[in-house]
Amino acid sequence: MSGKFLSARVAYERVLFTNDEPAARFAAALGKARCLKQESLYASAVTFLNTQIQTDYADSLLYQLRHEQILCAYLAGQFENTLSLIERLPYLHPDVSETPLLMAVQVLALNELQRWNEAAIAYRALAIHVHADTTHLNPYQQLPHLKSEKKAQLLSTFIPGAGQLYAGKPGEAALSIVVQSAGLYFGITSFLQSYYLSAWGIGAGLFGSFHMGGVRRAQILVKQLNQKRASTFNVQTRKQVLELVK
């Protein structure tokens, strides 16, 4: 199937290179962009459409290209770019009304950027636009609780294992406490017995390396936890947004 899309892209590119008629060039540009999208080459589609939007097409045709570009930008994970492209539309095409699909894409892009307050406003606007029941359960009434990476770092810095415990990993917290305590105990015992090199080289080294590793690990664990919570929320909200568009 991908070979067919590649062949089609080559054919569309030939039209763009050899044909001067605007209608044929527009059809080829849109066709090539959709082939790239079907091949999951979303970023390439965005870049290609950037070149085509500079062409002197009719306003209605340019709107179709920009509409396709917004969808590809979202699918490419270019969420800031997606919002920027959507925000330009009212100025570039003031006579064209907002479509439910692009309003939904705006909500989803804001979700991915964790700009949930803005997403809640956009979600309500979409619900009103499609005449949905706005008294229905609003997904933004219960936002995911995200933890602080800075707090995890500080906890692990002053209390071994506390950052991992804060991140919801009691097993890793216990292991961190045991290893760091062992290093500290070995260092102190060796020092008291006048084994200064062992105290410094092994005890302090073991404690220091695992202490710094524990601080970094706590930050990573909190980041992973936040990503999981945000992803779960976004997936659930995406279903509700798509239901509104349907």
C-alpha atoms as a PDB file:
ATOM      1  CA  MET A   1       0.000   0.000   0.000  1.00  0.00           C
ATOM      2  CA  SER A   2       2.818   2.423   0.846  1.00  0.00           C
ATOM      3  CA  GLY A   3       4.269   1.827  -2.626  1.00  0.00           C
ATOM      4  CA  LYS A   4       1.010   3.033  -4.168  1.00  0.00           C
ATOM      5  CA  PHE A   5       1.134   6.238  -2.150  1.00  0.00           C
ATOM      6  CA  LEU A   6       4.757   6.775  -3.165  1.00  0.00           C
ATOM      7  CA  SER A   7       3.871   6.307  -6.850  1.00  0.00           C
ATOM      8  CA  ALA A   8       0.959   8.696  -6.445  1.00  0.00           C
ATOM      9  CA  ARG A   9       3.219  11.272  -4.814  1.00  0.00           C
ATOM     10  CA  VAL A  10       5.633  11.068  -7.735  1.00  0.00           C
ATOM     11  CA  ALA A  11       2.749  11.557 -10.172  1.00  0.00           C
ATOM     12  CA  TYR A  12       1.470  14.561  -8.205  1.00  0.00           C
ATOM     13  CA  GLU A  13       4.969  16.022  -8.101  1.00  0.00           C
ATOM     14  CA  ARG A  14       5.207  15.694 -11.879  1.00  0.00           C
ATOM     15  CA  VAL A  15       1.998  17.695 -12.259  1.00  0.00           C
ATOM     16  CA  LEU A  16       3.326  20.408  -9.943  1.00  0.00           C
ATOM     17  CA  PHE A  17       6.535  20.588 -11.963  1.00  0.00           C
ATOM     18  CA  THR A  18       5.054  20.545 -15.460  1.00  0.00           C
ATOM     19  CA  ASN A  19       1.543  22.005 -15.224  1.00  0.00           C
ATOM     20  CA  ASP A  20       0.828  25.727 -14.988  1.00  0.00           C
ATOM     21  CA  GLU A  21      -2.932  25.495 -14.534  1.00  0.00           C
ATOM     22  CA  PRO A  22      -3.903  26.518 -10.940  1.00  0.00           C
ATOM     23  CA  ALA A  23      -6.719  23.971 -10.608  1.00  0.00           C
ATOM     24  CA  ALA A  24      -4.463  21.076 -11.627  1.00  0.00           C
ATOM     25  CA  ARG A  25      -1.625  22.287  -9.394  1.00  0.00           C
ATOM     26  CA  PHE A  26      -3.962  22.655  -6.441  1.00  0.00           C
ATOM     27  CA  ALA A  27      -5.369  19.143  -6.909  1.00  0.00           C
ATOM     28  CA  ALA A  28      -1.823  17.769  -7.138  1.00  0.00           C
ATOM     29  CA  ALA A  29      -0.694  19.664  -4.022  1.00  0.00           C
ATOM     30  CA  LEU A  30      -3.644  18.446  -1.978  1.00  0.00           C
ATOM     31  CA  GLY A  31      -3.225  14.926  -3.324  1.00  0.00           C
ATOM     32  CA  LYS A  32       0.454  14.796  -2.445  1.00  0.00           C
ATOM     33  CA  ALA A  33      -0.218  16.132   1.065  1.00  0.00           C
ATOM     34  CA  ARG A  34      -2.852  13.473   1.655  1.00  0.00           C
ATOM     35  CA  CYS A  35      -0.510  10.759   0.403  1.00  0.00           C
ATOM     36  CA  LEU A  36       2.131  11.910   2.875  1.00  0.00           C
ATOM     37  CA  LYS A  37      -0.510  11.834   5.596  1.00  0.00           C
ATOM     38  CA  GLN A  38      -1.553   8.299   4.663  1.00  0.00           C
ATOM     39  CA  GLU A  39       2.113   7.252   4.932  1.00  0.00           C
ATOM     40  CA  SER A  40       2.279   8.860   8.399  1.00  0.00           C
ATOM     41  CA  LEU A  41       4.818  11.394   7.092  1.00  0.00           C
ATOM     42  CA  TYR A  42       3.007  14.192   8.852  1.00  0.00           C
ATOM     43  CA  ALA A  43       5.964  16.528   9.401  1.00  0.00           C
ATOM     44  CA  SER A  44       6.919  16.215   5.729  1.00  0.00           C
ATOM     45  CA  ALA A  45       3.347  17.081   4.798  1.00  0.00           C
ATOM     46  CA  VAL A  46       3.490  20.226   6.943  1.00  0.00           C
ATOM     47  CA  THR A  47       6.774  21.302   5.313  1.00  0.00           C
ATOM     48  CA  PHE A  48       5.447  20.594   1.821  1.00  0.00           C
ATOM     49  CA  LEU A  49       2.238  22.541   2.430  1.00  0.00           C
ATOM     50  CA  ASN A  50       4.299  25.510   3.627  1.00  0.00           C
ATOM     51  CA  THR A  51       5.675  25.783   0.093  1.00  0.00           C
ATOM     52  CA  GLN A  52       2.248  25.441  -1.514  1.00  0.00           C
ATOM     53  CA  ILE A  53       0.566  28.088   0.636  1.00  0.00           C
ATOM     54  CA  GLN A  54       2.905  30.644  -0.935  1.00  0.00           C
ATOM     55  CA  THR A  55       1.344  29.895  -4.318  1.00  0.00           C
ATOM     56  CA  ASP A  56      -1.195  32.307  -5.824  1.00  0.00           C
ATOM     57  CA  TYR A  57      -4.273  30.122  -5.356  1.00  0.00           C
ATOM     58  CA  ALA A  58      -7.797  31.375  -4.803  1.00  0.00           C
ATOM     59  CA  ASP A  59      -8.643  32.121  -1.173  1.00  0.00           C
ATOM     60  CA  SER A  60     -10.990  29.134  -0.882  1.00  0.00           C
ATOM     61  CA  LEU A  61      -8.271  26.790  -2.145  1.00  0.00           C
ATOM     62  CA  LEU A  62      -5.672  28.223   0.226  1.00  0.00           C
ATOM     63  CA  TYR A  63      -8.071  27.598   3.096  1.00  0.00           C
ATOM     64  CA  GLN A  64      -8.285  23.916   2.158  1.00  0.00           C
ATOM     65  CA  LEU A  65      -4.492  23.646   2.133  1.00  0.00           C
ATOM     66  CA  ARG A  66      -4.211  25.373   5.495  1.00  0.00           C
ATOM     67  CA  HIS A  67      -6.930  23.114   6.912  1.00  0.00           C
ATOM     68  CA  GLU A  68      -4.948  20.067   5.800  1.00  0.00           C
ATOM     69  CA  GLN A  69      -1.744  21.547   7.199  1.00  0.00           C
ATOM     70  CA  ILE A  70      -3.305  22.035  10.633  1.00  0.00           C
ATOM     71  CA  LEU A  71      -4.403  18.400  10.765  1.00  0.00           C
ATOM     72  CA  CYS A  72      -0.933  17.218   9.711  1.00  0.00           C
ATOM     73  CA  ALA A  73       0.773  19.493  12.256  1.00  0.00           C
ATOM     74  CA  TYR A  74      -1.325  18.005  15.049  1.00  0.00           C
ATOM     75  CA  LEU A  75      -0.660  14.449  13.885  1.00  0.00           C
ATOM     76  CA  ALA A  76       3.066  15.268  13.704  1.00  0.00           C
ATOM     77  CA  GLY A  77       3.020  16.281  17.366  1.00  0.00           C
ATOM     78  CA  GLN A  78       3.709  19.926  16.492  1.00  0.00           C
ATOM     79  CA  PHE A  79       1.200  21.198  19.014  1.00  0.00           C
ATOM     80  CA  GLU A  80       2.485  24.769  19.334  1.00  0.00           C
ATOM     81  CA  ASN A  81       2.572  25.033  15.547  1.00  0.00           C
ATOM     82  CA  THR A  82      -0.963  23.611  15.368  1.00  0.00           C
ATOM     83  CA  LEU A  83      -2.293  26.323  17.684  1.00  0.00           C
ATOM     84  CA  SER A  84      -0.378  29.018  15.829  1.00  0.00           C
ATOM     85  CA  LEU A  85      -1.840  27.915  12.490  1.00  0.00           C
ATOM     86  CA  ILE A  86      -5.372  27.812  13.932  1.00  0.00           C
ATOM     87  CA  GLU A  87      -5.006  31.286  15.446  1.00  0.00           C
ATOM     88  CA  ARG A  88      -3.999  32.733  12.057  1.00  0.00           C
ATOM     89  CA  LEU A  89      -7.071  31.451  10.228  1.00  0.00           C
ATOM     90  CA  PRO A  90      -9.531  34.201  11.298  1.00  0.00           C
ATOM     91  CA  TYR A  91      -7.104  36.844   9.975  1.00  0.00           C
ATOM     92  CA  LEU A  92      -6.232  35.031   6.773  1.00  0.00           C
ATOM     93  CA  HIS A  93      -9.786  33.858   6.044  1.00  0.00           C
ATOM     94  CA  PRO A  94     -12.159  36.194   7.918  1.00  0.00           C
ATOM     95  CA  ASP A  95     -15.178  35.054   5.893  1.00  0.00           C
ATOM     96  CA  VAL A  96     -14.801  31.378   6.822  1.00  0.00           C
ATOM     97  CA  SER A  97     -16.514  30.136   9.978  1.00  0.00           C
ATOM     98  CA  GLU A  98     -14.839  27.864  12.494  1.00  0.00           C
ATOM     99  CA  THR A  99     -15.338  24.171  11.845  1.00  0.00           C
ATOM    100  CA  PRO A 100     -16.029  21.682  14.653  1.00  0.00           C
ATOM    101  CA  LEU A 101     -13.060  19.583  13.523  1.00  0.00           C
ATOM    102  CA  LEU A 102     -10.532  22.404  13.879  1.00  0.00           C
ATOM    103  CA  MET A 103     -12.098  23.470  17.167  1.00  0.00           C
ATOM    104  CA  ALA A 104     -11.625  19.898  18.386  1.00  0.00           C
ATOM    105  CA  VAL A 105      -8.016  19.871  17.191  1.00  0.00           C
ATOM    106  CA  GLN A 106      -7.418  23.081  19.151  1.00  0.00           C
ATOM    107  CA  VAL A 107      -8.754  21.459  22.329  1.00  0.00           C
ATOM    108  CA  LEU A 108      -6.605  18.364  21.817  1.00  0.00           C
ATOM    109  CA  ALA A 109      -3.448  20.370  21.100  1.00  0.00           C
ATOM    110  CA  LEU A 110      -3.959  22.428  24.265  1.00  0.00           C
ATOM    111  CA  ASN A 111      -4.424  19.174  26.189  1.00  0.00           C
ATOM    112  CA  GLU A 112      -1.129  17.794  24.927  1.00  0.00           C
ATOM    113  CA  LEU A 113       0.625  20.961  26.084  1.00  0.00           C
ATOM    114  CA  GLN A 114      -1.113  20.622  29.482  1.00  0.00           C
ATOM    115  CA  ARG A 115      -2.694  24.058  29.007  1.00  0.00           C
ATOM    116  CA  TRP A 116      -5.868  22.710  30.544  1.00  0.00           C
ATOM    117  CA  ASN A 117      -7.447  25.998  31.587  1.00  0.00           C
ATOM    118  CA  GLU A 118      -7.353  27.191  27.979  1.00  0.00           C
ATOM    119  CA  ALA A 119      -8.489  23.762  26.798  1.00  0.00           C
ATOM    120  CA  ALA A 120     -11.522  23.951  29.099  1.00  0.00           C
ATOM    121  CA  ILE A 121     -12.579  27.253  27.497  1.00  0.00           C
ATOM    122  CA  ALA A 122     -12.067  25.834  23.988  1.00  0.00           C
ATOM    123  CA  TYR A 123     -13.983  22.674  24.950  1.00  0.00           C
ATOM    124  CA  ARG A 124     -16.973  24.713  26.129  1.00  0.00           C
ATOM    125  CA  ALA A 125     -16.893  26.778  22.916  1.00  0.00           C
ATOM    126  CA  LEU A 126     -16.929  23.546  20.889  1.00  0.00           C
ATOM    127  CA  ALA A 127     -19.835  22.148  22.921  1.00  0.00           C
ATOM    128  CA  ILE A 128     -21.851  25.317  22.357  1.00  0.00           C
ATOM    129  CA  HIS A 129     -20.946  25.341  18.655  1.00  0.00           C
ATOM    130  CA  VAL A 130     -22.291  21.824  18.099  1.00  0.00           C
ATOM    131  CA  HIS A 131     -25.310  22.471  20.361  1.00  0.00           C
ATOM    132  CA  ALA A 132     -24.249  19.846  22.887  1.00  0.00           C
ATOM    133  CA  ASP A 133     -25.566  19.748  26.425  1.00  0.00           C
ATOM    134  CA  THR A 134     -23.155  22.030  28.266  1.00  0.00           C
ATOM    135  CA  THR A 135     -24.514  20.826  31.615  1.00  0.00           C
ATOM    136  CA  HIS A 136     -23.040  17.413  30.839  1.00  0.00           C
ATOM    137  CA  LEU A 137     -20.048  16.336  32.933  1.00  0.00           C
ATOM    138  CA  ASN A 138     -17.144  18.628  32.070  1.00  0.00           C
ATOM    139  CA  PRO A 139     -13.880  16.610  31.912  1.00  0.00           C
ATOM    140  CA  TYR A 140     -11.956  19.665  33.096  1.00  0.00           C
ATOM    141  CA  GLN A 141     -13.697  19.711  36.459  1.00  0.00           C
ATOM    142  CA  GLN A 142     -11.225  17.065  37.641  1.00  0.00           C
ATOM    143  CA  LEU A 143      -7.787  17.794  36.273  1.00  0.00           C
ATOM    144  CA  PRO A 144      -4.945  15.303  36.873  1.00  0.00           C
ATOM    145  CA  HIS A 145      -2.862  16.003  39.952  1.00  0.00           C
ATOM    146  CA  LEU A 146       0.728  16.491  38.814  1.00  0.00           C
ATOM    147  CA  LYS A 147       3.594  16.324  41.283  1.00  0.00           C
ATOM    148  CA  SER A 148       6.600  18.625  41.474  1.00  0.00           C
ATOM    149  CA  GLU A 149       9.931  17.411  40.105  1.00  0.00           C
ATOM    150  CA  LYS A 150      11.636  20.134  42.149  1.00  0.00           C
ATOM    151  CA  LYS A 151      10.034  18.839  45.343  1.00  0.00           C
ATOM    152  CA  ALA A 152      11.144  15.286  44.539  1.00  0.00           C
ATOM    153  CA  GLN A 153      14.681  16.579  44.038  1.00  0.00           C
ATOM    154  CA  LEU A 154      14.706  18.452  47.340  1.00  0.00           C
ATOM    155  CA  LEU A 155      13.240  15.518  49.271  1.00  0.00           C
ATOM    156  CA  SER A 156      15.856  13.123  47.913  1.00  0.00           C
ATOM    157  CA  THR A 157      18.628  15.619  48.574  1.00  0.00           C
ATOM    158  CA  PHE A 158      17.911  15.865  52.298  1.00  0.00           C
ATOM    159  CA  ILE A 159      16.149  12.550  53.038  1.00  0.00           C
ATOM    160  CA  PRO A 160      17.359   9.449  51.174  1.00  0.00           C
ATOM    161  CA  GLY A 161      14.457   7.643  49.503  1.00  0.00           C
ATOM    162  CA  ALA A 162      11.934  10.393  50.233  1.00  0.00           C
ATOM    163  CA  GLY A 163      11.800  11.507  46.609  1.00  0.00           C
ATOM    164  CA  GLN A 164      11.059   7.977  45.396  1.00  0.00           C
ATOM    165  CA  LEU A 165       8.373   7.608  48.054  1.00  0.00           C
ATOM    166  CA  TYR A 166       6.859  10.931  46.930  1.00  0.00           C
ATOM    167  CA  ALA A 167       6.812   9.541  43.382  1.00  0.00           C
ATOM    168  CA  GLY A 168       4.813   6.521  44.557  1.00  0.00           C
ATOM    169  CA  LYS A 169       7.665   3.991  44.463  1.00  0.00           C
ATOM    170  CA  PRO A 170       8.078   2.658  48.026  1.00  0.00           C
ATOM    171  CA  GLY A 171      10.206  -0.292  46.859  1.00  0.00           C
ATOM    172  CA  GLU A 172      12.758   1.978  45.201  1.00  0.00           C
ATOM    173  CA  ALA A 173      12.636   4.261  48.240  1.00  0.00           C
ATOM    174  CA  ALA A 174      13.530   1.369  50.552  1.00  0.00           C
ATOM    175  CA  LEU A 175      16.365   0.243  48.275  1.00  0.00           C
ATOM    176  CA  SER A 176      17.768   3.770  48.114  1.00  0.00           C
ATOM    177  CA  ILE A 177      17.695   4.055  51.920  1.00  0.00           C
ATOM    178  CA  VAL A 178      19.421   0.683  52.372  1.00  0.00           C
ATOM    179  CA  VAL A 179      22.207   1.328  49.841  1.00  0.00           C
ATOM    180  CA  GLN A 180      22.944   4.868  51.009  1.00  0.00           C
ATOM    181  CA  SER A 181      22.851   3.799  54.663  1.00  0.00           C
ATOM    182  CA  ALA A 182      25.246   0.965  53.917  1.00  0.00           C
ATOM    183  CA  GLY A 183      27.692   3.363  52.274  1.00  0.00           C
ATOM    184  CA  LEU A 184      27.428   5.810  55.132  1.00  0.00           C
ATOM    185  CA  TYR A 185      27.827   3.076  57.760  1.00  0.00           C
ATOM    186  CA  PHE A 186      30.870   1.620  56.001  1.00  0.00           C
ATOM    187  CA  GLY A 187      32.466   5.051  55.724  1.00  0.00           C
ATOM    188  CA  ILE A 188      31.946   5.947  59.372  1.00  0.00           C
ATOM    189  CA  THR A 189      33.069   2.535  60.613  1.00  0.00           C
ATOM    190  CA  SER A 190      36.200   2.613  58.463  1.00  0.00           C
ATOM    191  CA  PHE A 191      37.032   6.142  59.603  1.00  0.00           C
ATOM    192  CA  LEU A 192      36.685   5.227  63.285  1.00  0.00           C
ATOM    193  CA  GLN A 193      39.007   2.281  62.693  1.00  0.00           C
ATOM    194  CA  SER A 194      41.512   4.611  61.005  1.00  0.00           C
ATOM    195  CA  TYR A 195      40.967   3.131  57.514  1.00  0.00           C
ATOM    196  CA  TYR A 196      40.794   6.588  56.004  1.00  0.00           C
ATOM    197  CA  LEU A 197      41.292   5.576  52.384  1.00  0.00           C
ATOM    198  CA  SER A 198      38.533   2.980  52.584  1.00  0.00           C
ATOM    199  CA  ALA A 199      36.293   5.422  54.417  1.00  0.00           C
ATOM    200  CA  TRP A 200      36.748   8.019  51.708  1.00  0.00           C
ATOM    201  CA  GLY A 201      37.171   5.874  48.613  1.00  0.00           C
ATOM    202  CA  ILE A 202      34.500   3.256  49.263  1.00  0.00           C
ATOM    203  CA  GLY A 203      32.139   4.526  51.956  1.00  0.00           C
ATOM    204  CA  ALA A 204      31.874   8.148  50.910  1.00  0.00           C
ATOM    205  CA  GLY A 205      32.073   7.232  47.230  1.00  0.00           C
ATOM    206  CA  LEU A 206      29.286   4.677  47.525  1.00  0.00           C
ATOM    207  CA  PHE A 207      27.082   7.048  49.504  1.00  0.00           C
ATOM    208  CA  GLY A 208      27.759  10.012  47.210  1.00  0.00           C
ATOM    209  CA  SER A 209      27.155   8.186  43.943  1.00  0.00           C
ATOM    210  CA  PHE A 210      23.928   6.562  45.112  1.00  0.00           C
ATOM    211  CA  HIS A 211      22.783   9.796  46.733  1.00  0.00           C
ATOM    212  CA  MET A 212      23.146  11.792  43.508  1.00  0.00           C
ATOM    213  CA  GLY A 213      21.683   8.900  41.539  1.00  0.00           C
ATOM    214  CA  GLY A 214      18.726   8.836  43.906  1.00  0.00           C
ATOM    215  CA  VAL A 215      18.084  12.539  43.373  1.00  0.00           C
ATOM    216  CA  ARG A 216      18.085  12.126  39.588  1.00  0.00           C
ATOM    217  CA  ARG A 217      15.983   8.969  39.819  1.00  0.00           C
ATOM    218  CA  ALA A 218      13.347  10.725  41.934  1.00  0.00           C
ATOM    219  CA  GLN A 219      12.994  13.436  39.290  1.00  0.00           C
ATOM    220  CA  ILE A 220      12.652  10.838  36.531  1.00  0.00           C
ATOM    221  CA  LEU A 221      10.018   8.899  38.477  1.00  0.00           C
ATOM    222  CA  VAL A 222       7.926  12.014  39.094  1.00  0.00           C
ATOM    223  CA  LYS A 223       8.216  12.999  35.444  1.00  0.00           C
ATOM    224  CA  GLN A 224       7.058   9.529  34.384  1.00  0.00           C
ATOM    225  CA  LEU A 225       4.183   9.642  36.868  1.00  0.00           C
ATOM    226  CA  ASN A 226       3.059  13.044  35.582  1.00  0.00           C
ATOM    227  CA  GLN A 227       3.265  11.869  31.974  1.00  0.00           C
ATOM    228  CA  LYS A 228       1.155   8.830  32.775  1.00  0.00           C
ATOM    229  CA  ARG A 229      -1.500  10.872  34.583  1.00  0.00           C
ATOM    230  CA  ALA A 230      -1.594  13.523  31.863  1.00  0.00           C
ATOM    231  CA  SER A 231      -1.772  10.879  29.135  1.00  0.00           C
ATOM    232  CA  THR A 232      -4.642   9.070  30.859  1.00  0.00           C
ATOM    233  CA  PHE A 233      -6.561  12.320  31.224  1.00  0.00           C
ATOM    234  CA  ASN A 234      -5.893  13.335  27.610  1.00  0.00           C
ATOM    235  CA  VAL A 235      -7.037   9.961  26.258  1.00  0.00           C
ATOM    236  CA  GLN A 236     -10.292  10.149  28.199  1.00  0.00           C
ATOM    237  CA  THR A 237     -10.889  13.757  27.157  1.00  0.00           C
ATOM    238  CA  ARG A 238     -10.047  12.967  23.517  1.00  0.00           C
ATOM    239  CA  LYS A 239     -12.898  10.462  23.430  1.00  0.00           C
ATOM    240  CA  GLN A 240     -15.356  13.063  24.694  1.00  0.00           C
ATOM    241  CA  VAL A 241     -14.081  15.689  22.239  1.00  0.00           C
ATOM    242  CA  LEU A 242     -14.439  13.306  19.301  1.00  0.00           C
ATOM    243  CA  GLU A 243     -17.951  12.415  20.439  1.00  0.00           C
ATOM    244  CA  LEU A 244     -18.837  16.108  20.239  1.00  0.00           C
ATOM    245  CA  VAL A 245     -17.469  16.324  16.693  1.00  0.00           C
ATOM    246  CA  LYS A 246     -19.452  13.259  15.615  1.00  0.00           C
END
